[in-house]
Protein backbone atom coordinates (compact mmCIF):
# COMPACT_ATOMS: atom_id res chain seq x y z
CA UNK A 1 88.87 142.54 114.03
CA UNK A 2 89.37 139.20 115.78
CA UNK A 3 92.92 138.92 114.56
CA UNK A 4 93.81 142.05 116.46
CA UNK A 5 92.44 140.79 119.77
CA UNK A 6 93.33 137.13 119.73
CA UNK A 7 95.57 136.15 116.87
CA UNK A 8 97.98 138.95 116.19
CA UNK A 9 100.66 138.54 118.85
CA UNK A 10 104.06 137.16 117.98
CA UNK A 11 104.37 133.48 118.90
CA UNK A 12 106.94 132.33 121.42
CA UNK A 13 110.05 131.22 119.60
CA UNK A 14 113.45 129.71 120.18
CA UNK A 15 115.08 131.26 117.14
CA UNK A 16 114.71 130.76 113.43
CA UNK A 17 115.15 127.82 111.10
CA UNK A 18 117.47 128.14 108.10
CA UNK A 19 114.43 129.09 106.03
CA UNK A 20 113.73 132.06 108.27
CA UNK A 21 110.46 130.90 109.82
CA UNK A 22 109.86 131.09 113.55
CA UNK A 23 110.63 127.90 115.46
CA UNK A 24 107.66 127.84 117.80
CA UNK A 25 107.74 125.82 120.98
CA UNK A 26 104.78 123.95 122.45
CA UNK A 27 106.19 123.84 125.97
CA UNK A 28 104.28 124.35 129.23
CA UNK A 29 104.71 128.13 129.24
CA UNK A 30 103.43 128.41 125.67
CA UNK A 31 100.44 126.23 126.51
CA UNK A 32 99.53 128.42 129.49
CA UNK A 33 99.89 131.56 127.39
CA UNK A 34 97.71 130.13 124.62
CA UNK A 35 94.94 129.19 127.06
CA UNK A 36 95.11 132.59 128.74
CA UNK A 37 94.70 134.37 125.41
CA UNK A 38 91.85 132.12 124.28
CA UNK A 39 90.08 132.80 127.59
CA UNK A 40 90.28 136.62 127.39
CA UNK A 41 86.73 137.91 127.90
CA UNK A 42 86.89 140.45 125.06
CA UNK A 43 88.67 138.16 122.60
CA UNK A 44 86.99 136.53 119.64
CA UNK A 45 88.90 134.21 117.35
CA UNK A 46 88.02 133.80 113.72
CA UNK A 47 88.23 130.01 114.10
CA UNK A 48 88.45 127.55 116.97
CA UNK A 49 89.34 124.01 115.91
CA UNK A 50 88.23 121.06 118.04
CA UNK A 51 90.55 118.08 117.59
CA UNK A 52 94.34 117.83 117.43
CA UNK A 53 94.78 115.00 114.96
CA UNK A 54 96.11 115.35 111.43
CA UNK A 55 92.92 116.93 110.06
CA UNK A 56 92.41 119.40 112.90
CA UNK A 57 96.08 120.36 112.79
CA UNK A 58 95.81 120.79 109.04
CA UNK A 59 92.78 123.03 109.47
CA UNK A 60 94.63 125.19 112.01
CA UNK A 61 97.62 125.60 109.67
CA UNK A 62 95.44 126.30 106.63
CA UNK A 63 93.36 128.89 108.47
CA UNK A 64 96.24 130.73 110.14
CA UNK A 65 98.21 130.94 106.89
CA UNK A 66 95.17 132.59 105.29
CA UNK A 67 95.45 135.37 107.85
CA UNK A 68 92.73 134.19 110.25
CA UNK A 69 93.09 134.15 114.02
CA UNK A 70 93.02 130.54 115.13
CA UNK A 71 92.85 128.42 118.25
CA UNK A 72 92.99 124.64 118.57
CA UNK A 73 92.05 122.47 121.53
CA UNK A 74 92.56 118.74 121.98
CA UNK A 75 91.08 116.72 124.85
CA UNK A 76 94.03 114.35 125.11
CA UNK A 77 97.50 114.47 123.58
CA UNK A 78 98.05 115.66 120.04
CA UNK A 79 97.60 112.78 117.54
CA UNK A 80 96.65 110.44 120.38
CA UNK A 81 93.83 108.85 118.38
CA UNK A 82 93.80 107.68 114.79
CA UNK A 83 96.65 109.99 113.76
CA UNK A 84 99.28 108.07 115.73
CA UNK A 85 97.97 104.58 115.00
CA UNK A 86 97.94 104.38 111.20
CA UNK A 87 99.98 102.20 108.86
CA UNK A 88 102.28 105.26 108.59
CA UNK A 89 102.01 105.27 104.81
CA UNK A 90 101.61 108.22 102.47
CA UNK A 91 100.09 106.54 99.44
CA UNK A 92 97.54 106.74 96.69
CA UNK A 93 95.74 103.56 97.69
CA UNK A 94 96.12 100.77 95.15
CA UNK A 95 92.88 99.11 96.20
CA UNK A 96 90.92 102.23 95.28
CA UNK A 97 91.92 101.62 91.66
CA UNK A 98 90.02 98.34 91.80
CA UNK A 99 87.04 100.34 93.05
CA UNK A 100 87.53 102.63 90.00
CA UNK A 101 87.97 105.62 92.33
CA UNK A 102 90.55 107.27 90.08
CA UNK A 103 89.97 110.80 91.36
CA UNK A 104 90.75 109.78 94.96
CA UNK A 105 93.93 108.01 93.85
CA UNK A 106 95.08 110.94 91.70
CA UNK A 107 94.41 113.40 94.53
CA UNK A 108 96.32 111.26 97.01
CA UNK A 109 99.29 110.85 94.67
CA UNK A 110 99.45 114.60 94.16
CA UNK A 111 99.54 115.08 97.92
CA UNK A 112 102.23 112.40 98.21
CA UNK A 113 104.40 114.34 95.76
CA UNK A 114 103.88 117.62 97.63
CA UNK A 115 104.81 116.07 100.96
CA UNK A 116 107.90 114.37 99.59
CA UNK A 117 109.26 117.33 97.67
CA UNK A 118 108.11 120.51 99.32
CA UNK A 119 106.10 120.28 102.51
CA UNK A 120 107.98 117.73 104.61
CA UNK A 121 110.95 116.05 102.88
CA UNK A 122 112.51 115.46 106.31
CA UNK A 123 109.51 113.48 107.57
CA UNK A 124 108.18 111.73 104.45
CA UNK A 125 110.40 109.39 102.48
CA UNK A 126 110.04 106.84 99.66
CA UNK A 127 109.70 103.15 100.49
CA UNK A 128 109.71 100.19 98.05
CA UNK A 129 107.12 97.39 98.13
CA UNK A 130 107.17 93.96 96.55
CA UNK A 131 103.85 92.57 95.30
CA UNK A 132 104.28 88.77 95.07
CA UNK A 133 102.39 87.13 92.23
CA UNK A 134 100.81 83.71 92.75
CA UNK A 135 99.38 83.02 89.29
CA UNK A 136 101.01 82.93 85.88
CA UNK A 137 100.40 85.47 83.13
CA UNK A 138 96.94 86.89 83.93
CA UNK A 139 97.89 88.21 87.39
CA UNK A 140 101.08 89.82 86.15
CA UNK A 141 99.09 91.50 83.38
CA UNK A 142 96.37 92.61 85.79
CA UNK A 143 98.70 93.92 88.52
CA UNK A 144 101.07 95.45 85.97
CA UNK A 145 98.21 97.34 84.34
CA UNK A 146 97.08 98.64 87.72
CA UNK A 147 100.57 99.82 88.66
CA UNK A 148 101.05 101.40 85.24
CA UNK A 149 97.87 103.39 85.89
CA UNK A 150 99.11 104.17 89.41
CA UNK A 151 102.38 105.55 88.06
CA UNK A 152 100.59 107.43 85.27
CA UNK A 153 98.20 109.10 87.71
CA UNK A 154 101.21 110.12 89.78
CA UNK A 155 102.91 111.72 86.79
CA UNK A 156 99.65 113.38 85.67
CA UNK A 157 99.69 115.66 88.73
CA UNK A 158 102.36 117.77 87.02
CA UNK A 159 104.80 117.22 89.87
CA UNK A 160 107.96 115.17 89.62
CA UNK A 161 107.34 112.14 91.79
CA UNK A 162 110.89 111.74 93.01
CA UNK A 163 110.68 107.94 93.05
CA UNK A 164 111.07 105.15 90.50
CA UNK A 165 108.25 103.58 88.52
CA UNK A 166 107.22 99.97 89.03
CA UNK A 167 109.22 97.07 87.60
CA UNK A 168 108.46 93.42 86.91
CA UNK A 169 110.60 90.74 88.55
CA UNK A 170 111.06 87.04 88.02
CA UNK A 171 110.74 84.75 91.01
CA UNK A 172 114.52 84.51 91.26
CA UNK A 173 115.01 88.29 91.29
CA UNK A 174 112.17 88.75 93.75
CA UNK A 175 113.74 86.25 96.14
CA UNK A 176 117.05 88.11 95.95
CA UNK A 177 115.27 91.18 97.25
CA UNK A 178 113.15 89.27 99.78
CA UNK A 179 114.86 85.99 100.74
CA UNK A 180 112.36 85.64 103.60
CA UNK A 181 109.61 84.64 101.16
CA UNK A 182 108.88 80.97 100.58
CA UNK A 183 109.82 79.97 97.06
CA UNK A 184 106.46 78.25 96.63
CA UNK A 185 104.58 81.39 97.73
CA UNK A 186 105.21 83.29 94.50
CA UNK A 187 105.64 82.82 90.78
CA UNK A 188 107.19 86.27 90.34
CA UNK A 189 106.61 89.79 91.61
CA UNK A 190 106.16 93.44 90.79
CA UNK A 191 107.98 96.12 92.76
CA UNK A 192 106.62 99.64 93.16
CA UNK A 193 107.25 102.65 95.39
CA UNK A 194 105.16 104.63 97.85
CA UNK A 195 106.09 106.72 100.89
CA UNK A 196 105.94 106.56 104.67
CA UNK A 197 105.81 108.96 107.62
CA UNK A 198 105.92 108.96 111.40
CA UNK A 199 102.29 110.00 111.68
CA UNK A 200 102.35 111.43 115.22
CA UNK A 201 105.59 113.34 114.66
CA UNK A 202 104.13 114.84 111.50
CA UNK A 203 101.10 116.16 113.43
CA UNK A 204 103.26 117.69 116.15
CA UNK A 205 105.46 119.38 113.55
CA UNK A 206 102.42 120.74 111.75
CA UNK A 207 101.02 122.19 114.98
CA UNK A 208 104.34 123.85 115.75
CA UNK A 209 104.29 125.30 112.25
CA UNK A 210 100.77 126.64 112.82
CA UNK A 211 101.88 128.12 116.14
CA UNK A 212 104.81 129.82 114.41
CA UNK A 213 102.28 131.73 112.29
CA UNK A 214 100.25 132.71 115.36
CA UNK A 215 97.83 129.84 116.08
CA UNK A 216 97.00 129.22 119.74
CA UNK A 217 97.38 125.51 120.53
CA UNK A 218 96.62 123.52 123.68
CA UNK A 219 96.32 119.80 124.46
CA UNK A 220 94.56 118.25 127.47
CA UNK A 221 91.78 120.78 126.94
CA UNK A 222 88.32 119.27 126.53
CA UNK A 223 85.26 120.84 124.92
CA UNK A 224 82.38 120.37 127.37
CA UNK A 225 79.79 122.53 125.63
CA UNK A 226 79.02 124.99 122.86
CA UNK A 227 78.26 128.69 123.23
CA UNK A 228 75.08 129.76 121.45
CA UNK A 229 73.31 132.92 120.46
CA UNK A 230 69.96 131.67 119.27
CA UNK A 231 70.63 128.94 116.74
CA UNK A 232 74.14 130.12 115.97
CA UNK A 233 77.24 128.55 117.56
CA UNK A 234 79.52 131.32 118.82
CA UNK A 235 82.29 129.36 120.49
CA UNK A 236 83.02 126.53 122.91
CA UNK A 237 83.27 126.00 126.62
CA UNK A 238 86.41 124.09 127.52
CA UNK A 239 87.95 122.54 130.58
CA UNK A 240 91.69 122.50 131.19
CA UNK A 241 92.12 118.89 132.26
CA UNK A 242 95.41 119.69 133.96
CA UNK A 243 93.88 122.21 136.37
CA UNK A 244 90.12 121.62 136.19
CA UNK A 245 89.51 125.28 135.24
CA UNK A 246 86.70 125.99 132.79
CA UNK A 247 86.33 128.98 130.48
CA UNK A 248 84.68 130.12 127.29
CA UNK A 249 86.45 130.52 123.96
CA UNK A 250 84.52 132.75 121.59
CA UNK A 251 84.92 132.33 117.85
CA UNK A 252 83.14 133.36 114.71
CA UNK A 253 83.39 129.81 113.38
CA UNK A 254 83.95 126.46 115.12
CA UNK A 255 85.45 123.55 113.18
CA UNK A 256 84.88 120.06 114.50
CA UNK A 257 87.64 117.67 113.36
CA UNK A 258 87.29 114.91 115.92
CA UNK A 259 87.26 111.90 113.61
CA UNK A 260 85.56 108.91 115.21
CA UNK A 261 84.01 111.23 117.84
CA UNK A 262 82.11 113.20 115.18
CA UNK A 263 78.71 111.74 116.06
CA UNK A 264 79.16 112.60 119.74
CA UNK A 265 79.94 116.23 118.90
CA UNK A 266 76.86 116.40 116.67
CA UNK A 267 74.75 115.19 119.59
CA UNK A 268 76.36 117.74 121.91
CA UNK A 269 75.54 120.65 119.65
CA UNK A 270 72.08 119.40 118.79
CA UNK A 271 72.78 119.18 115.09
CA UNK A 272 70.71 117.26 112.57
CA UNK A 273 73.19 114.44 112.20
CA UNK A 274 74.35 115.20 108.67
CA UNK A 275 77.47 113.05 109.10
CA UNK A 276 77.52 109.49 110.34
CA UNK A 277 80.91 107.95 111.08
CA UNK A 278 81.59 104.30 111.68
CA UNK A 279 84.79 103.25 113.42
CA UNK A 280 86.88 100.53 111.80
CA UNK A 281 89.63 98.96 113.91
CA UNK A 282 93.00 98.26 112.37
CA UNK A 283 95.82 96.62 114.34
CA UNK A 284 99.53 96.48 113.56
CA UNK A 285 102.37 94.34 114.86
CA UNK A 286 105.98 95.51 115.21
CA UNK A 287 108.80 92.95 114.94
CA UNK A 288 112.60 93.34 114.81
CA UNK A 289 114.12 93.82 111.37
CA UNK A 290 116.16 90.61 111.62
CA UNK A 291 113.02 88.47 111.87
CA UNK A 292 112.23 89.06 108.18
CA UNK A 293 115.14 89.00 105.75
CA UNK A 294 114.15 91.46 103.04
CA UNK A 295 115.48 94.60 101.38
CA UNK A 296 111.99 95.81 100.52
CA UNK A 297 108.54 96.14 101.98
CA UNK A 298 105.93 93.57 100.98
CA UNK A 299 102.24 93.92 100.15
CA UNK A 300 99.92 90.91 100.28
CA UNK A 301 96.30 90.42 99.29
CA UNK A 302 93.86 89.22 101.95
CA UNK A 303 90.26 88.14 101.61
CA UNK A 304 89.11 91.65 102.57
CA UNK A 305 91.87 94.08 101.78
CA UNK A 306 95.68 94.10 101.80
CA UNK A 307 98.39 93.38 104.35
CA UNK A 308 101.58 95.46 104.43
CA UNK A 309 105.01 94.48 105.74
CA UNK A 310 106.57 97.91 106.10
CA UNK A 311 110.24 98.68 106.85
CA UNK A 312 110.46 100.90 109.94
CA UNK A 313 114.03 101.66 111.00
CA UNK A 314 115.33 98.59 112.81
CA UNK A 315 111.85 97.06 112.75
CA UNK A 316 108.97 95.95 110.53
CA UNK A 317 105.37 97.13 110.90
CA UNK A 318 102.88 94.46 109.80
CA UNK A 319 99.20 95.21 109.30
CA UNK A 320 96.40 95.83 109.11
CA UNK A 321 93.00 94.42 110.03
CA UNK A 322 89.65 95.98 109.18
CA UNK A 323 86.86 95.18 111.63
CA UNK A 324 83.94 97.15 113.02
CA UNK A 325 84.51 98.67 116.49
CA UNK A 326 81.78 100.01 118.77
CA UNK A 327 83.55 99.94 122.15
CA UNK A 328 85.87 102.48 123.84
CA UNK A 329 87.14 104.90 121.21
CA UNK A 330 89.96 106.40 123.23
CA UNK A 331 91.73 103.08 123.76
CA UNK A 332 90.85 100.52 121.08
CA UNK A 333 92.24 97.15 122.09
CA UNK A 334 93.89 94.45 120.01
CA UNK A 335 92.71 90.95 120.86
CA UNK A 336 94.49 87.62 120.48
CA UNK A 337 92.26 86.95 117.49
CA UNK A 338 93.49 90.16 115.79
CA UNK A 339 97.14 89.30 116.40
CA UNK A 340 96.73 85.72 115.19
CA UNK A 341 94.98 86.97 112.04
CA UNK A 342 97.94 89.14 111.08
CA UNK A 343 100.49 86.44 111.95
CA UNK A 344 98.58 83.78 110.00
CA UNK A 345 98.42 85.93 106.87
CA UNK A 346 102.06 87.00 106.87
CA UNK A 347 103.27 83.51 107.77
CA UNK A 348 101.50 82.16 104.69
CA UNK A 349 104.36 83.59 102.59
CA UNK A 350 107.35 83.49 104.97
CA UNK A 351 109.88 80.67 104.90
CA UNK A 352 110.51 81.14 108.65
CA UNK A 353 107.17 81.85 110.33
CA UNK A 354 106.80 84.53 112.98
CA UNK A 355 105.53 83.65 116.44
CA UNK A 356 103.98 85.79 119.16
CA UNK A 357 107.39 85.78 120.85
CA UNK A 358 108.76 87.78 117.89
CA UNK A 359 106.27 90.62 118.44
CA UNK A 360 107.83 93.68 120.10
CA UNK A 361 104.84 95.96 119.93
CA UNK A 362 101.16 96.02 119.05
CA UNK A 363 98.99 99.03 118.39
CA UNK A 364 95.35 99.47 117.43
CA UNK A 365 93.73 102.46 115.76
CA UNK A 366 90.29 103.46 114.49
CA UNK A 367 89.55 104.72 111.00
CA UNK A 368 86.71 107.26 110.80
CA UNK A 369 84.77 105.90 107.83
CA UNK A 370 81.67 107.57 106.42
CA UNK A 371 78.80 105.17 107.07
CA UNK A 372 76.86 104.02 104.03
CA UNK A 373 74.76 101.13 102.88
CA UNK A 374 77.52 98.53 103.24
CA UNK A 375 77.78 96.49 106.42
CA UNK A 376 81.48 95.86 105.81
CA UNK A 377 83.81 98.60 107.03
CA UNK A 378 86.31 97.74 104.29
CA UNK A 379 83.74 98.93 101.73
CA UNK A 380 82.83 102.20 103.41
CA UNK A 381 83.98 105.48 101.87
CA UNK A 382 87.42 106.95 102.54
CA UNK A 383 86.32 110.19 100.89
CA UNK A 384 85.56 113.12 103.16
CA UNK A 385 82.58 115.36 103.69
CA UNK A 386 82.24 118.91 105.03
CA UNK A 387 78.91 120.17 106.40
CA UNK A 388 77.41 123.19 108.17
CA UNK A 389 74.89 121.47 110.52
CA UNK A 390 74.10 124.73 112.33
CA UNK A 391 75.27 128.31 111.72
CA UNK A 392 78.75 128.92 113.06
CA UNK A 393 79.75 125.24 113.06
CA UNK A 394 81.68 123.39 110.36
CA UNK A 395 82.13 119.63 110.60
CA UNK A 396 84.56 117.52 108.60
CA UNK A 397 84.93 113.74 108.64
CA UNK A 398 86.13 110.80 106.58
CA UNK A 399 89.15 110.92 104.30
CA UNK A 400 92.60 109.42 104.79
CA UNK A 401 95.85 110.61 106.29
CA UNK A 402 97.49 111.25 102.91
CA UNK A 403 94.81 113.74 101.86
CA UNK A 404 94.57 115.64 105.14
CA UNK A 405 95.66 118.90 103.47
CA UNK A 406 92.81 118.76 100.94
CA UNK A 407 90.35 118.06 103.74
CA UNK A 408 91.68 121.01 105.71
CA UNK A 409 91.43 123.29 102.68
CA UNK A 410 87.80 122.29 102.11
CA UNK A 411 86.95 122.87 105.78
CA UNK A 412 88.51 126.35 105.80
CA UNK A 413 86.74 127.15 102.52
CA UNK A 414 83.51 126.42 104.40
CA UNK A 415 84.70 128.64 107.26
CA UNK A 416 85.43 131.43 104.77
CA UNK A 417 81.91 131.11 103.42
CA UNK A 418 80.57 131.64 106.95
CA UNK A 419 82.69 134.73 107.64
CA UNK A 420 81.54 138.15 106.51
CA UNK A 421 84.93 139.04 105.07
CA UNK A 422 87.10 138.07 102.15
CA UNK A 423 89.49 135.24 103.00
CA UNK A 424 92.50 134.42 100.81
CA UNK A 425 92.71 131.04 99.11
CA UNK A 426 94.62 128.17 100.70
CA UNK A 427 98.41 128.33 100.38
CA UNK A 428 99.45 125.25 102.36
CA UNK A 429 100.66 123.56 99.18
CA UNK A 430 103.49 126.12 99.28
CA UNK A 431 104.15 126.15 103.06
CA UNK A 432 106.99 123.85 104.22
CA UNK A 433 106.63 122.47 107.70
CA UNK A 434 109.17 123.44 110.32
CA UNK A 435 112.40 121.55 109.77
CA UNK A 436 111.93 121.26 106.00
CA UNK A 437 113.80 124.40 104.98
CA UNK A 438 117.51 123.65 104.83
CA UNK A 439 117.04 119.93 105.47
CA UNK A 440 118.72 118.74 102.30
CA UNK A 441 121.75 120.96 102.86
CA UNK A 442 122.13 119.66 106.41
CA UNK A 443 121.73 116.08 105.21
CA UNK A 444 124.56 116.67 102.76
CA UNK A 445 126.63 118.06 105.64
CA UNK A 446 125.78 115.26 108.09
CA UNK A 447 129.40 114.07 108.38
CA UNK A 448 130.50 117.58 109.31
CA UNK A 449 127.67 117.78 111.85
CA UNK A 450 128.81 114.48 113.30
CA UNK A 451 132.35 115.74 113.76
CA UNK A 452 131.32 119.05 115.30
CA UNK A 453 128.77 117.49 117.67
CA UNK A 454 130.81 114.46 118.67
CA UNK A 455 127.94 112.15 117.72
CA UNK A 456 128.19 109.25 115.31
CA UNK A 457 126.94 110.03 111.81
CA UNK A 458 124.20 107.41 112.25
CA UNK A 459 122.89 109.45 115.19
CA UNK A 460 122.90 112.61 113.10
CA UNK A 461 120.98 110.85 110.35
CA UNK A 462 118.43 109.66 112.91
CA UNK A 463 118.01 113.19 114.25
CA UNK A 464 117.77 114.76 110.80
CA UNK A 465 115.02 112.34 109.80
CA UNK A 466 113.05 113.24 112.92
CA UNK A 467 113.71 116.97 113.26
CA UNK A 468 115.10 118.13 109.92
CA UNK A 469 116.75 121.53 110.22
CA UNK A 470 115.47 121.80 113.81
CA UNK A 471 118.31 119.44 114.71
CA UNK A 472 120.23 122.50 115.94
CA UNK A 473 117.76 122.86 118.82
CA UNK A 474 118.37 119.27 119.93
CA UNK A 475 122.14 119.63 119.57
CA UNK A 476 121.98 122.84 121.60
CA UNK A 477 120.50 120.88 124.52
CA UNK A 478 123.41 118.45 124.31
CA UNK A 479 125.91 121.29 124.18
CA UNK A 480 124.40 122.74 127.38
CA UNK A 481 124.31 119.33 129.09
CA UNK A 482 126.58 116.69 127.51
CA UNK A 483 124.84 113.92 129.47
CA UNK A 484 121.86 114.41 127.16
CA UNK A 485 124.00 113.12 124.29
CA UNK A 486 123.88 109.61 125.76
CA UNK A 487 121.28 107.11 124.55
CA UNK A 488 118.50 105.98 126.86
CA UNK A 489 119.44 102.85 128.78
CA UNK A 490 117.11 100.26 127.31
CA UNK A 491 116.09 102.18 124.17
CA UNK A 492 119.38 103.15 122.58
CA UNK A 493 117.85 104.33 119.31
CA UNK A 494 116.90 107.53 121.16
CA UNK A 495 119.07 110.11 122.90
CA UNK A 496 118.23 111.51 126.32
CA UNK A 497 118.03 114.95 124.69
CA UNK A 498 115.04 113.82 122.65
CA UNK A 499 113.06 113.16 125.83
CA UNK A 500 113.80 116.65 127.15
CA UNK A 501 113.02 118.19 123.76
CA UNK A 502 109.63 116.45 123.70
CA UNK A 503 108.68 118.29 126.90
CA UNK A 504 110.25 121.68 126.12
CA UNK A 505 109.32 122.02 122.44
CA UNK A 506 106.84 119.38 121.32
CA UNK A 507 103.94 119.63 123.75
CA UNK A 508 104.48 116.37 125.64
CA UNK A 509 102.66 116.75 128.95
CA UNK A 510 103.04 113.24 130.32
CA UNK A 511 105.39 110.27 130.13
CA UNK A 512 102.97 108.35 127.93
CA UNK A 513 103.01 111.20 125.38
CA UNK A 514 106.77 110.92 125.03
CA UNK A 515 107.21 107.15 125.01
CA UNK A 516 104.23 106.50 122.73
CA UNK A 517 104.10 109.44 120.30
CA UNK A 518 107.14 111.77 120.46
CA UNK A 519 109.23 108.61 120.30
CA UNK A 520 108.05 105.11 119.41
CA UNK A 521 109.70 103.35 122.34
CA UNK A 522 106.36 101.85 123.41
CA UNK A 523 106.19 99.70 120.26
CA UNK A 524 109.86 99.38 119.32
CA UNK A 525 111.11 97.53 122.41
CA UNK A 526 110.12 94.19 123.90
CA UNK A 527 109.69 95.86 127.30
CA UNK A 528 107.42 98.43 125.58
CA UNK A 529 109.02 101.32 127.41
CA UNK A 530 108.81 100.11 130.98
CA UNK A 531 112.61 99.72 131.25
CA UNK A 532 113.17 103.41 130.41
CA UNK A 533 110.13 104.88 132.12
CA UNK A 534 111.96 106.03 135.25
CA UNK A 535 114.84 107.63 133.35
CA UNK A 536 112.50 109.34 130.88
CA UNK A 537 110.21 110.65 133.63
CA UNK A 538 113.17 112.12 135.50
CA UNK A 539 114.32 113.86 132.32
CA UNK A 540 110.86 115.35 131.79
CA UNK A 541 110.52 116.41 135.42
CA UNK A 542 112.65 119.55 135.14
CA UNK A 543 110.96 121.17 132.14
CA UNK A 544 107.47 120.25 133.40
CA UNK A 545 108.05 121.08 137.06
CA UNK A 546 107.33 117.61 138.42
CA UNK A 547 108.21 116.69 141.97
CA UNK A 548 109.26 113.18 143.04
CA UNK A 549 105.66 112.19 143.69
CA UNK A 550 104.57 113.16 140.18
CA UNK A 551 107.52 111.28 138.66
CA UNK A 552 106.43 108.20 140.61
CA UNK A 553 102.83 108.67 139.48
CA UNK A 554 103.82 108.99 135.82
CA UNK A 555 105.89 105.81 135.93
CA UNK A 556 103.17 103.87 137.75
CA UNK A 557 100.51 104.95 135.27
CA UNK A 558 102.65 104.07 132.29
CA UNK A 559 103.50 100.66 133.73
CA UNK A 560 99.83 99.91 134.41
CA UNK A 561 98.93 100.95 130.88
CA UNK A 562 101.47 98.55 129.39
CA UNK A 563 100.31 95.75 131.69
CA UNK A 564 96.69 96.34 130.67
CA UNK A 565 97.59 96.36 126.98
CA UNK A 566 99.56 93.13 127.29
CA UNK A 567 96.70 91.47 129.15
CA UNK A 568 94.11 92.68 126.64
CA UNK A 569 96.13 91.12 123.83
CA UNK A 570 95.68 87.71 125.44
CA UNK A 571 91.87 87.95 125.29
CA UNK A 572 89.90 86.18 122.56
CA UNK A 573 87.24 88.80 121.83
CA UNK A 574 86.99 92.56 121.42
CA UNK A 575 84.68 92.79 124.43
CA UNK A 576 87.11 90.95 126.71
CA UNK A 577 90.10 92.92 125.40
CA UNK A 578 88.28 96.23 125.83
CA UNK A 579 87.29 95.44 129.42
CA UNK A 580 90.90 94.62 130.34
CA UNK A 581 92.38 97.66 128.57
CA UNK A 582 90.01 99.99 130.40
CA UNK A 583 91.47 98.76 133.67
CA UNK A 584 94.35 101.24 133.29
CA UNK A 585 93.19 104.70 134.44
CA UNK A 586 94.00 107.95 132.64
CA UNK A 587 96.91 109.92 134.05
CA UNK A 588 94.66 112.98 133.90
CA UNK A 589 91.24 112.28 135.43
CA UNK A 590 88.50 113.51 133.12
CA UNK A 591 85.71 114.45 135.50
CA UNK A 592 82.37 115.49 134.08
CA UNK A 593 81.38 119.10 134.85
CA UNK A 594 78.94 119.59 137.70
CA UNK A 595 75.79 121.51 136.94
CA UNK A 596 76.87 122.30 133.38
CA UNK A 597 74.53 122.02 130.45
CA UNK A 598 75.25 122.25 126.77
């Protein structure tokens, strides 16, 4: 069987978490080993997943925990597309209630409860939101009824939600919670609770969990063609973008989970185009926490959708927009018009308006929406679809971050249908991600951990909320080299050890991976990471084997990327912003294969 040839070896580990599961690393040696095993001429995986975002990672974890042999390849960094550029919310979607899509809301609320309580309590946490009311009586009745239904659907899942229900507030009580609001901007408010997550960190943790069960995982590995036997797809041809080497990966089933690139993959394989995805751009601004005086998040209605003001550590995330995007998908650019739109809408309710000078960071992401009859992206479906366009190929698209696990389950169910063997049912609703087991006990012992490690308790809390029970691995690095216990000069929310850990354990291959996704330095500092680039690159150099020239190259690339992003955000149109953003080259050149045909 395939599992015996390609998926049965014990994954590389660094020990065990308190729950007893393997703590798999995604370091350079593990990447090389995974690629070597996928390339073995006589190997055949049960499943090869194309795409390392939240859905592809979810598919890999679902498949490997059903006993299948699994590989996953990602052309860029893990979560480098949509899955690192979301609003970072785990929520049911209040606006879907207005669309009467009760099933989608109920499903999302069930997933929210699972993530909070069982799957990733260290990465997903409750967050309160204030919904300001601007009309008397009817609006309070209308919004209150919607939130009552929202809470009821949450309870109907049979899981304890672990967060309070909504509550009505007078204007005076609302202003106590959010003094930043203009008194004239509200007549009262309703407060409710949802949840939030560091989206990129969640994906990385899920991939490490999949690897701990035996999945083979590699980033910077691009699919350049499909293997065929007659009509049937029998695998993929990939190129290692770090070395330029190409090889075949054979698999009984291929799952495409590439989000906004779905249409391109369909064209590559010659499918019948059963899925059509339209990209919708959403931008977010990051401002320091002291710019908005509030103890709660805020949700505002706009003419098209909603605008969130989301607490994010020592910052606020404000967004989002919803506009059609047909330009470069790898690097969607935020224009001046986008930024002004967000500022104008949030300033409509703030007593002290924000200016562009208050903006620390800006990021833009693309939602993969299923194209329909509507010309407005805000009205396109967030539900997902799974198809079998040709034998041996499963495609999944649509959906939302919160329901990734359901999407993954449906995709692997389709894989199971295509395999000539019995495949167990999905069990990912019972599988905690790495770092979850033992998290609560360690949180309760955080003062003891602070004393034993010599770190301030606030640092321990920061580490626990990023690594959970894997904190011991980070502390072990500091014990071996005490200098790693110092904060980065210029980004003191993060310890030097976290930069090293990103390279040794979390699959970071380049400086941009670490400053943009393993940490959030690129959006949480006014210098956007340029002030720490040299220090961070030198810390990554040892684990990744960089010489001085490569360190210099990494810093130069990162600096040029930030410069291009800043310049693009001064342009008035998407076309102008896109042209400027594309001026920063990729750190890994993606050359097209010579003489290769699909």
